Amino acid sequence: MGTRILIVENASFMRTIVKNMLVPLGYIIAGEATSPSEAVDMYERMKPDLITIDVSTEQNKSKERVWIETVKKILARNPDARIVMVAAPEQEEMLIDSFKAGVRDFVVKPFEPERIITAVENAVA
């Protein structure tokens, strides 16, 4: 069975882009979440092998903190959870905090398809 991935992204077209990159490589999309609370709930129910979390660029600092707390909640439930964050260059502080919390890799927007694939491969290796 292939690696099961939960995609967390509020824009449906971006979820589709990520799916279209990963499914042909044998990855299985276990689910799609659009919010921090939905991400935690779906992680609990689905137990995916990997989570990709795309933090919207229009979010403010307090909303970025919500995503860091989401990562911490998931890792508190499963310290071995594999998480890849996707964020804009101006969200560098949030990415650093994500790594401190236990994120495996990150991708900076705008991204090339190869970068998402590499981050996923690294995270599940």
C-alpha atoms as a PDB file:
ATOM      1  CA  MET A   1       0.000   0.000   0.000  1.00  0.00           C
ATOM      2  CA  GLY A   2       1.274   3.506  -0.854  1.00  0.00           C
ATOM      3  CA  THR A   3       1.996   6.359   1.511  1.00  0.00           C
ATOM      4  CA  ARG A   4      -1.238   7.988   2.710  1.00  0.00           C
ATOM      5  CA  ILE A   5      -1.235  11.790   2.734  1.00  0.00           C
ATOM      6  CA  LEU A   6      -3.571  14.342   4.316  1.00  0.00           C
ATOM      7  CA  ILE A   7      -3.503  17.619   2.363  1.00  0.00           C
ATOM      8  CA  VAL A   8      -4.337  20.714   4.424  1.00  0.00           C
ATOM      9  CA  GLU A   9      -5.038  23.735   2.230  1.00  0.00           C
ATOM     10  CA  ASN A  10      -7.963  26.141   2.120  1.00  0.00           C
ATOM     11  CA  ALA A  11      -7.938  26.598  -1.680  1.00  0.00           C
ATOM     12  CA  SER A  12      -9.423  23.701  -3.624  1.00  0.00           C
ATOM     13  CA  PHE A  13      -7.365  24.457  -6.748  1.00  0.00           C
ATOM     14  CA  MET A  14      -4.129  24.163  -4.721  1.00  0.00           C
ATOM     15  CA  ARG A  15      -5.261  20.846  -3.218  1.00  0.00           C
ATOM     16  CA  THR A  16      -5.881  19.646  -6.761  1.00  0.00           C
ATOM     17  CA  ILE A  17      -2.425  20.773  -7.891  1.00  0.00           C
ATOM     18  CA  VAL A  18      -0.756  18.898  -5.021  1.00  0.00           C
ATOM     19  CA  LYS A  19      -2.887  15.790  -5.665  1.00  0.00           C
ATOM     20  CA  ASN A  20      -2.018  15.868  -9.355  1.00  0.00           C
ATOM     21  CA  MET A  21       1.682  15.911  -8.458  1.00  0.00           C
ATOM     22  CA  LEU A  22       1.585  13.105  -5.903  1.00  0.00           C
ATOM     23  CA  VAL A  23      -1.021  10.571  -7.069  1.00  0.00           C
ATOM     24  CA  PRO A  24       0.844   9.627 -10.288  1.00  0.00           C
ATOM     25  CA  LEU A  25       3.854   8.784  -8.100  1.00  0.00           C
ATOM     26  CA  GLY A  26       1.836   6.243  -6.109  1.00  0.00           C
ATOM     27  CA  TYR A  27       0.911   8.385  -3.119  1.00  0.00           C
ATOM     28  CA  ILE A  28      -2.624   8.005  -1.789  1.00  0.00           C
ATOM     29  CA  ILE A  29      -4.590  11.085  -0.768  1.00  0.00           C
ATOM     30  CA  ALA A  30      -6.209   9.969   2.481  1.00  0.00           C
ATOM     31  CA  GLY A  31      -8.124  13.209   2.888  1.00  0.00           C
ATOM     32  CA  GLU A  32      -8.274  16.958   2.474  1.00  0.00           C
ATOM     33  CA  ALA A  33      -8.705  19.495   5.258  1.00  0.00           C
ATOM     34  CA  THR A  34      -9.288  23.232   4.975  1.00  0.00           C
ATOM     35  CA  SER A  35      -8.749  24.502   8.542  1.00  0.00           C
ATOM     36  CA  PRO A  36      -6.576  23.855  11.597  1.00  0.00           C
ATOM     37  CA  SER A  37      -9.365  22.174  13.562  1.00  0.00           C
ATOM     38  CA  GLU A  38     -10.352  20.009  10.610  1.00  0.00           C
ATOM     39  CA  ALA A  39      -6.686  19.035  10.149  1.00  0.00           C
ATOM     40  CA  VAL A  40      -6.405  17.771  13.731  1.00  0.00           C
ATOM     41  CA  ASP A  41      -9.734  15.942  13.536  1.00  0.00           C
ATOM     42  CA  MET A  42      -8.926  14.280  10.211  1.00  0.00           C
ATOM     43  CA  TYR A  43      -5.449  13.328  11.394  1.00  0.00           C
ATOM     44  CA  GLU A  44      -6.993  11.581  14.401  1.00  0.00           C
ATOM     45  CA  ARG A  45      -9.523   9.687  12.288  1.00  0.00           C
ATOM     46  CA  MET A  46      -7.373   8.840   9.279  1.00  0.00           C
ATOM     47  CA  LYS A  47      -3.896   8.359  10.748  1.00  0.00           C
ATOM     48  CA  PRO A  48      -2.158   9.363   7.487  1.00  0.00           C
ATOM     49  CA  ASP A  49       1.548   8.710   6.950  1.00  0.00           C
ATOM     50  CA  LEU A  50       2.171  12.362   6.107  1.00  0.00           C
ATOM     51  CA  ILE A  51       0.465  15.747   6.340  1.00  0.00           C
ATOM     52  CA  THR A  52       1.108  18.720   4.068  1.00  0.00           C
ATOM     53  CA  ILE A  53      -0.034  22.024   5.581  1.00  0.00           C
ATOM     54  CA  ASP A  54      -0.208  25.086   3.359  1.00  0.00           C
ATOM     55  CA  VAL A  55      -0.352  28.298   5.364  1.00  0.00           C
ATOM     56  CA  SER A  56      -2.092  31.029   3.390  1.00  0.00           C
ATOM     57  CA  THR A  57      -0.026  34.127   2.672  1.00  0.00           C
ATOM     58  CA  GLU A  58      -2.822  36.490   3.678  1.00  0.00           C
ATOM     59  CA  GLN A  59      -2.817  35.175   7.221  1.00  0.00           C
ATOM     60  CA  ASN A  60      -1.624  37.417  10.006  1.00  0.00           C
ATOM     61  CA  LYS A  61       0.803  36.534  12.804  1.00  0.00           C
ATOM     62  CA  SER A  62      -1.915  35.390  15.200  1.00  0.00           C
ATOM     63  CA  LYS A  63      -3.324  33.005  12.588  1.00  0.00           C
ATOM     64  CA  GLU A  64       0.193  31.693  11.917  1.00  0.00           C
ATOM     65  CA  ARG A  65       0.362  30.850  15.637  1.00  0.00           C
ATOM     66  CA  VAL A  66      -2.818  28.785  15.196  1.00  0.00           C
ATOM     67  CA  TRP A  67      -0.988  26.655  12.633  1.00  0.00           C
ATOM     68  CA  ILE A  68       1.985  26.198  14.961  1.00  0.00           C
ATOM     69  CA  GLU A  69      -0.433  25.100  17.689  1.00  0.00           C
ATOM     70  CA  THR A  70      -2.065  22.713  15.212  1.00  0.00           C
ATOM     71  CA  VAL A  71       1.323  21.146  14.486  1.00  0.00           C
ATOM     72  CA  LYS A  72       1.986  20.841  18.222  1.00  0.00           C
ATOM     73  CA  LYS A  73      -1.417  19.174  18.815  1.00  0.00           C
ATOM     74  CA  ILE A  74      -0.793  16.617  16.094  1.00  0.00           C
ATOM     75  CA  LEU A  75       2.721  15.893  17.348  1.00  0.00           C
ATOM     76  CA  ALA A  76       1.479  15.624  20.936  1.00  0.00           C
ATOM     77  CA  ARG A  77      -0.891  12.870  19.794  1.00  0.00           C
ATOM     78  CA  ASN A  78       1.803  11.219  17.676  1.00  0.00           C
ATOM     79  CA  PRO A  79       5.425  12.356  18.078  1.00  0.00           C
ATOM     80  CA  ASP A  80       6.316  10.430  14.909  1.00  0.00           C
ATOM     81  CA  ALA A  81       3.828  12.350  12.734  1.00  0.00           C
ATOM     82  CA  ARG A  82       5.407  13.533   9.516  1.00  0.00           C
ATOM     83  CA  ILE A  83       4.472  17.079   8.564  1.00  0.00           C
ATOM     84  CA  VAL A  84       5.568  19.255   5.639  1.00  0.00           C
ATOM     85  CA  MET A  85       4.717  22.971   5.815  1.00  0.00           C
ATOM     86  CA  VAL A  86       4.165  25.170   2.759  1.00  0.00           C
ATOM     87  CA  ALA A  87       4.507  28.914   3.314  1.00  0.00           C
ATOM     88  CA  ALA A  88       5.523  32.202   1.726  1.00  0.00           C
ATOM     89  CA  PRO A  89       9.046  33.626   2.101  1.00  0.00           C
ATOM     90  CA  GLU A  90       7.749  36.372   4.418  1.00  0.00           C
ATOM     91  CA  GLN A  91       6.557  33.661   6.829  1.00  0.00           C
ATOM     92  CA  GLU A  92      10.125  32.696   7.727  1.00  0.00           C
ATOM     93  CA  GLU A  93       9.564  33.077  11.479  1.00  0.00           C
ATOM     94  CA  MET A  94       6.576  30.723  11.305  1.00  0.00           C
ATOM     95  CA  LEU A  95       8.654  28.161   9.392  1.00  0.00           C
ATOM     96  CA  ILE A  96      11.409  28.339  12.012  1.00  0.00           C
ATOM     97  CA  ASP A  97       8.842  27.839  14.763  1.00  0.00           C
ATOM     98  CA  SER A  98       7.401  24.921  12.788  1.00  0.00           C
ATOM     99  CA  PHE A  99      10.787  23.215  12.683  1.00  0.00           C
ATOM    100  CA  LYS A 100      11.231  23.759  16.409  1.00  0.00           C
ATOM    101  CA  ALA A 101       7.817  22.131  16.916  1.00  0.00           C
ATOM    102  CA  GLY A 102       8.840  19.083  14.866  1.00  0.00           C
ATOM    103  CA  VAL A 103       7.941  19.666  11.215  1.00  0.00           C
ATOM    104  CA  ARG A 104      10.037  17.436   8.909  1.00  0.00           C
ATOM    105  CA  ASP A 105      10.438  19.784   5.932  1.00  0.00           C
ATOM    106  CA  PHE A 106       9.046  22.941   4.360  1.00  0.00           C
ATOM    107  CA  VAL A 107       8.356  24.318   0.917  1.00  0.00           C
ATOM    108  CA  VAL A 108       8.475  28.034   0.090  1.00  0.00           C
ATOM    109  CA  LYS A 109       5.893  29.479  -2.302  1.00  0.00           C
ATOM    110  CA  PRO A 110       5.801  29.848  -5.172  1.00  0.00           C
ATOM    111  CA  PHE A 111       7.118  26.333  -5.551  1.00  0.00           C
ATOM    112  CA  GLU A 112       8.189  24.040  -8.332  1.00  0.00           C
ATOM    113  CA  PRO A 113       6.488  20.625  -8.400  1.00  0.00           C
ATOM    114  CA  GLU A 114       9.843  18.937  -7.820  1.00  0.00           C
ATOM    115  CA  ARG A 115      10.219  20.746  -4.485  1.00  0.00           C
ATOM    116  CA  ILE A 116       6.921  19.375  -3.135  1.00  0.00           C
ATOM    117  CA  ILE A 117       7.859  15.894  -4.316  1.00  0.00           C
ATOM    118  CA  THR A 118      11.312  16.127  -2.707  1.00  0.00           C
ATOM    119  CA  ALA A 119       9.862  17.382   0.578  1.00  0.00           C
ATOM    120  CA  VAL A 120       7.332  14.532   0.670  1.00  0.00           C
ATOM    121  CA  GLU A 121       9.985  11.946  -0.206  1.00  0.00           C
ATOM    122  CA  ASN A 122      12.341  13.316   2.476  1.00  0.00           C
ATOM    123  CA  ALA A 123       9.614  13.351   5.099  1.00  0.00           C
ATOM    124  CA  VAL A 124       8.579   9.735   4.543  1.00  0.00           C
ATOM    125  CA  ALA A 125      12.141   8.397   4.146  1.00  0.00           C
END
